[in-house]
């Protein structure tokens, strides 16, 4: 059985380790996090794995998952190389950053490891939801051939839809995910604040959000962004866009600037859609 060690026991690390363990792709072995308590919580969630206090205490493994924040990937790779040394040779080591490439793992690659990045395109709100929602999740892969071969098999087995992306294209690829998911959440926050400021009864804000968000998602999936677009900018109602933008700016200057930019992009999207039709 393939043995897996995990460095970084956050939501993504726990989700992937749990699914790989449950589907018989790995035997979860050692778990390391910045705090031992986090590693212990992960072991409890996984019902597998041994929490360890030091990187040097982690046993030999076939696969290492570095599920740490982007800013810590390179440092984690160097720390792993320093702690484990030549014992790592031949292992697969991968991280989960959507922005960073496998080149961040150069310290362990220099020791003979096969390195890669694997970015599941999913909103990991918690390990529980991650496990429940993972089936069908697209997973962007990039890195060494041997590491990619293992990831294709393992992630496909847990329900991932794997595709490869060039290292140089990762920043733009990840930005697309940010626009699609993270910024959607930001916009919902702005909308709810605006409704509240406009005097909408609090008990109606959730139904408003749910109705608009669900219908928008359904329409985008069915027709594509250009055809699903509605509103004054899409209609070419420039007077309304300008007047409404001024109102929003008086309410919140950052939101007003965003309203102006998004209205311009909406008009361009509608124009492009009509050109292609």
Protein backbone atom coordinates (compact mmCIF):
# COMPACT_ATOMS: atom_id res chain seq x y z
CA UNK A 1 0.00 0.00 0.00
CA UNK A 2 1.26 3.48 -0.90
CA UNK A 3 2.17 5.40 2.25
CA UNK A 4 1.23 9.08 2.48
CA UNK A 5 2.69 11.71 4.79
CA UNK A 6 0.92 15.07 5.11
CA UNK A 7 2.57 18.39 5.94
CA UNK A 8 -0.11 20.98 6.67
CA UNK A 9 -3.36 19.71 8.16
CA UNK A 10 -5.79 22.39 7.00
CA UNK A 11 -9.03 21.96 5.11
CA UNK A 12 -7.55 20.92 1.75
CA UNK A 13 -4.97 18.59 3.27
CA UNK A 14 -7.53 16.84 5.43
CA UNK A 15 -10.00 16.52 2.55
CA UNK A 16 -7.52 14.97 0.13
CA UNK A 17 -5.97 12.70 2.74
CA UNK A 18 -9.41 11.50 3.86
CA UNK A 19 -10.57 10.75 0.32
CA UNK A 20 -7.33 9.04 -0.71
CA UNK A 21 -7.49 6.93 2.45
CA UNK A 22 -11.19 6.08 2.09
CA UNK A 23 -10.77 5.03 -1.54
CA UNK A 24 -7.80 2.79 -0.80
CA UNK A 25 -5.26 4.86 -2.72
CA UNK A 26 -2.96 5.41 0.25
CA UNK A 27 -2.29 4.47 3.81
CA UNK A 28 -2.11 7.73 5.76
CA UNK A 29 1.01 7.50 7.87
CA UNK A 30 2.37 10.66 9.56
CA UNK A 31 0.73 14.06 9.98
CA UNK A 32 2.65 17.26 10.66
CA UNK A 33 1.29 20.77 11.20
CA UNK A 34 2.48 24.00 12.78
CA UNK A 35 0.79 22.87 15.97
CA UNK A 36 0.56 19.32 17.21
CA UNK A 37 -3.06 19.97 18.17
CA UNK A 38 -3.92 20.57 14.49
CA UNK A 39 -2.25 17.30 13.53
CA UNK A 40 -4.19 15.52 16.27
CA UNK A 41 -7.48 17.00 15.04
CA UNK A 42 -6.64 15.84 11.53
CA UNK A 43 -5.89 12.32 12.74
CA UNK A 44 -9.26 12.27 14.49
CA UNK A 45 -11.07 13.47 11.36
CA UNK A 46 -9.24 10.99 9.14
CA UNK A 47 -9.45 8.16 11.66
CA UNK A 48 -5.92 7.45 10.45
CA UNK A 49 -2.40 8.79 10.67
CA UNK A 50 0.07 9.51 13.45
CA UNK A 51 0.58 13.14 14.58
CA UNK A 52 4.27 14.08 14.88
CA UNK A 53 5.93 17.11 16.44
CA UNK A 54 9.00 17.38 14.18
CA UNK A 55 9.60 16.90 10.47
CA UNK A 56 12.62 14.77 11.24
CA UNK A 57 10.35 12.34 13.10
CA UNK A 58 8.25 11.56 10.02
CA UNK A 59 8.81 8.08 8.62
CA UNK A 60 9.67 7.19 5.04
CA UNK A 61 6.69 7.60 2.70
CA UNK A 62 6.00 7.01 -0.98
CA UNK A 63 4.02 10.23 -1.34
CA UNK A 64 4.25 13.56 0.51
CA UNK A 65 1.48 16.16 0.42
CA UNK A 66 2.56 19.73 1.26
CA UNK A 67 -0.81 21.35 1.91
CA UNK A 68 0.40 24.72 3.21
CA UNK A 69 -0.37 28.36 2.27
CA UNK A 70 1.26 29.58 -0.93
CA UNK A 71 3.74 31.78 0.93
CA UNK A 72 5.01 28.75 2.84
CA UNK A 73 5.40 26.20 0.02
CA UNK A 74 9.05 26.91 -0.79
CA UNK A 75 10.02 27.10 2.88
CA UNK A 76 8.17 23.85 3.62
CA UNK A 77 9.99 22.11 0.76
CA UNK A 78 13.34 23.33 2.05
CA UNK A 79 12.49 22.30 5.62
CA UNK A 80 11.44 18.85 4.40
CA UNK A 81 14.67 18.47 2.42
CA UNK A 82 16.74 19.53 5.43
CA UNK A 83 14.91 17.19 7.80
CA UNK A 84 14.69 14.07 5.62
CA UNK A 85 17.62 14.37 3.20
CA UNK A 86 18.47 11.45 0.93
CA UNK A 87 15.66 9.32 2.43
CA UNK A 88 13.26 11.24 0.17
CA UNK A 89 14.78 9.95 -3.08
CA UNK A 90 12.17 8.46 -5.40
CA UNK A 91 9.14 9.82 -3.52
CA UNK A 92 6.33 11.83 -5.07
CA UNK A 93 5.98 15.27 -3.46
CA UNK A 94 3.13 17.61 -4.43
CA UNK A 95 1.54 20.82 -3.24
CA UNK A 96 -1.97 22.26 -3.69
CA UNK A 97 -1.32 25.84 -4.78
CA UNK A 98 -3.26 26.94 -7.82
CA UNK A 99 -0.88 29.85 -8.40
CA UNK A 100 2.55 28.31 -7.79
CA UNK A 101 4.22 25.71 -9.97
CA UNK A 102 6.09 22.56 -8.97
CA UNK A 103 9.32 24.54 -9.26
CA UNK A 104 8.69 25.66 -5.67
CA UNK A 105 9.60 22.11 -4.65
CA UNK A 106 13.10 22.28 -6.14
CA UNK A 107 14.85 21.47 -2.80
CA UNK A 108 13.27 18.00 -2.75
CA UNK A 109 13.54 17.56 -6.51
CA UNK A 110 17.30 18.00 -6.05
CA UNK A 111 17.18 14.98 -3.73
CA UNK A 112 15.59 12.77 -6.39
CA UNK A 113 11.89 13.36 -5.74
CA UNK A 114 9.22 13.55 -8.43
CA UNK A 115 7.38 16.84 -7.86
CA UNK A 116 4.05 18.29 -8.97
CA UNK A 117 1.24 20.64 -8.09
CA UNK A 118 -2.38 19.50 -7.89
CA UNK A 119 -5.07 22.15 -7.55
CA UNK A 120 -8.64 20.93 -6.97
CA UNK A 121 -11.05 23.64 -8.15
CA UNK A 122 -13.44 23.49 -5.20
CA UNK A 123 -14.51 25.81 -2.40
CA UNK A 124 -13.08 23.99 0.63
CA UNK A 125 -15.27 25.53 3.30
CA UNK A 126 -14.49 22.63 5.66
CA UNK A 127 -13.07 19.10 5.45
CA UNK A 128 -16.57 17.67 5.86
CA UNK A 129 -18.02 19.63 2.94
CA UNK A 130 -14.88 19.00 0.90
CA UNK A 131 -15.29 15.24 1.23
CA UNK A 132 -19.01 15.40 0.41
CA UNK A 133 -18.64 17.71 -2.58
CA UNK A 134 -15.41 16.47 -4.15
CA UNK A 135 -16.83 14.03 -6.70
CA UNK A 136 -16.54 15.58 -10.16
CA UNK A 137 -14.11 18.30 -9.05
CA UNK A 138 -11.72 19.45 -11.81
CA UNK A 139 -8.08 19.12 -10.70
CA UNK A 140 -5.38 21.13 -12.46
CA UNK A 141 -2.09 19.19 -12.54
CA UNK A 142 1.42 20.33 -13.43
CA UNK A 143 4.90 18.94 -12.80
CA UNK A 144 7.15 15.93 -13.42
CA UNK A 145 5.87 13.03 -15.52
CA UNK A 146 6.18 10.40 -12.78
CA UNK A 147 4.36 12.55 -10.23
CA UNK A 148 1.63 13.42 -12.74
CA UNK A 149 1.11 9.75 -13.56
CA UNK A 150 0.46 8.92 -9.90
CA UNK A 151 -1.78 11.95 -9.37
CA UNK A 152 -3.89 11.18 -12.44
CA UNK A 153 -4.65 7.70 -11.11
CA UNK A 154 -5.12 8.65 -7.43
CA UNK A 155 -7.22 11.77 -7.92
CA UNK A 156 -9.36 10.14 -10.60
CA UNK A 157 -10.04 7.30 -8.17
CA UNK A 158 -11.48 9.73 -5.60
CA UNK A 159 -13.71 11.46 -8.17
CA UNK A 160 -11.42 14.15 -9.54
CA UNK A 161 -11.50 15.20 -13.19
CA UNK A 162 -7.82 15.70 -13.93
CA UNK A 163 -6.35 17.96 -16.57
CA UNK A 164 -2.83 19.27 -17.09
CA UNK A 165 -1.82 22.90 -17.33
CA UNK A 166 1.47 24.48 -18.38
CA UNK A 167 3.60 25.88 -15.57
CA UNK A 168 3.71 29.35 -17.15
CA UNK A 169 -0.09 29.49 -17.35
CA UNK A 170 -0.79 28.71 -13.70
CA UNK A 171 -1.12 32.34 -12.49
CA UNK A 172 -3.80 33.19 -15.07
CA UNK A 173 -5.52 29.82 -14.54
CA UNK A 174 -5.70 30.48 -10.81
CA UNK A 175 -6.90 34.05 -11.33
CA UNK A 176 -9.83 32.61 -13.28
CA UNK A 177 -10.73 30.45 -10.28
CA UNK A 178 -10.53 33.51 -8.02
CA UNK A 179 -12.89 35.44 -10.32
CA UNK A 180 -15.29 32.50 -10.52
CA UNK A 181 -15.44 31.66 -6.81
CA UNK A 182 -13.81 34.11 -4.40
CA UNK A 183 -14.98 37.30 -6.08
CA UNK A 184 -18.49 35.90 -6.40
CA UNK A 185 -18.53 35.67 -2.61
CA UNK A 186 -17.22 39.25 -2.30
CA UNK A 187 -19.96 40.51 -4.63
CA UNK A 188 -22.62 38.72 -2.58
CA UNK A 189 -21.29 40.45 0.53
CA UNK A 190 -21.53 43.86 -1.17
CA UNK A 191 -25.04 43.11 -2.43
CA UNK A 192 -26.29 42.07 0.99
CA UNK A 193 -24.78 45.16 2.63
CA UNK A 194 -26.40 47.36 -0.02
CA UNK A 195 -29.80 45.74 0.46
CA UNK A 196 -29.52 46.25 4.20
CA UNK A 197 -28.55 49.91 3.74
CA UNK A 198 -31.46 50.35 1.33
CA UNK A 199 -33.91 49.16 3.99
CA UNK A 200 -34.75 45.70 2.70
CA UNK A 201 -36.23 43.67 5.60
CA UNK A 202 -33.48 41.41 7.03
CA UNK A 203 -35.63 38.29 6.68
CA UNK A 204 -35.86 38.86 2.92
CA UNK A 205 -32.14 39.30 2.21
CA UNK A 206 -31.42 35.58 2.14
CA UNK A 207 -34.36 34.75 -0.17
CA UNK A 208 -33.28 37.58 -2.49
CA UNK A 209 -29.72 36.28 -2.55
CA UNK A 210 -30.81 32.70 -3.10
CA UNK A 211 -33.26 33.48 -5.91
CA UNK A 212 -30.88 35.70 -7.88
CA UNK A 213 -27.78 33.58 -7.33
CA UNK A 214 -29.44 30.30 -8.27
CA UNK A 215 -31.11 31.66 -11.38
CA UNK A 216 -27.89 33.37 -12.46
CA UNK A 217 -25.85 30.19 -12.08
CA UNK A 218 -28.47 28.16 -13.94
CA UNK A 219 -28.56 30.66 -16.80
CA UNK A 220 -24.78 30.94 -17.11
CA UNK A 221 -24.45 27.17 -17.24
CA UNK A 222 -27.27 26.82 -19.76
CA UNK A 223 -26.50 29.76 -22.07
CA UNK A 224 -23.01 31.02 -21.31
CA UNK A 225 -22.03 34.36 -19.72
CA UNK A 226 -22.85 36.68 -22.63
CA UNK A 227 -26.37 35.34 -23.18
CA UNK A 228 -27.15 35.13 -19.46
CA UNK A 229 -26.16 38.75 -18.82
CA UNK A 230 -28.98 41.15 -17.88
CA UNK A 231 -29.18 44.59 -16.30
CA UNK A 232 -28.71 48.20 -17.44
CA UNK A 233 -25.16 47.80 -18.79
CA UNK A 234 -26.21 44.81 -20.90
CA UNK A 235 -29.17 46.81 -22.24
CA UNK A 236 -26.99 49.78 -23.10
CA UNK A 237 -28.80 51.96 -20.55
CA UNK A 238 -25.85 54.30 -20.00
CA UNK A 239 -27.89 56.97 -18.19
CA UNK A 240 -29.03 54.45 -15.59
CA UNK A 241 -25.51 53.03 -15.24
CA UNK A 242 -24.06 56.50 -14.62
CA UNK A 243 -26.74 57.60 -12.18
CA UNK A 244 -26.71 54.32 -10.29
CA UNK A 245 -22.92 54.36 -10.16
CA UNK A 246 -23.01 57.77 -8.51
CA UNK A 247 -25.44 56.51 -5.89
CA UNK A 248 -23.24 53.50 -5.16
CA UNK A 249 -20.14 55.69 -4.92
CA UNK A 250 -21.80 57.93 -2.32
CA UNK A 251 -22.68 54.79 -0.36
CA UNK A 252 -19.22 53.18 -0.72
CA UNK A 253 -16.38 54.58 -2.83
CA UNK A 254 -14.69 51.17 -3.40
CA UNK A 255 -18.01 49.59 -4.36
CA UNK A 256 -18.70 52.52 -6.70
CA UNK A 257 -15.39 52.04 -8.47
CA UNK A 258 -16.11 48.34 -8.78
CA UNK A 259 -19.60 49.07 -10.12
CA UNK A 260 -18.14 51.30 -12.83
CA UNK A 261 -15.50 48.74 -13.88
CA UNK A 262 -17.91 45.82 -13.91
CA UNK A 263 -20.48 47.82 -15.88
CA UNK A 264 -17.85 48.52 -18.54
CA UNK A 265 -16.91 44.84 -18.65
CA UNK A 266 -20.59 43.84 -18.80
CA UNK A 267 -21.18 46.10 -21.81
CA UNK A 268 -18.10 44.68 -23.54
CA UNK A 269 -19.17 41.11 -22.77
CA UNK A 270 -22.60 41.74 -24.29
CA UNK A 271 -21.03 43.35 -27.36
CA UNK A 272 -18.60 40.46 -27.83
CA UNK A 273 -21.45 37.98 -27.46
CA UNK A 274 -23.49 39.71 -30.13
CA UNK A 275 -20.49 39.81 -32.47
CA UNK A 276 -19.97 36.05 -32.12
CA UNK A 277 -23.66 35.25 -32.56
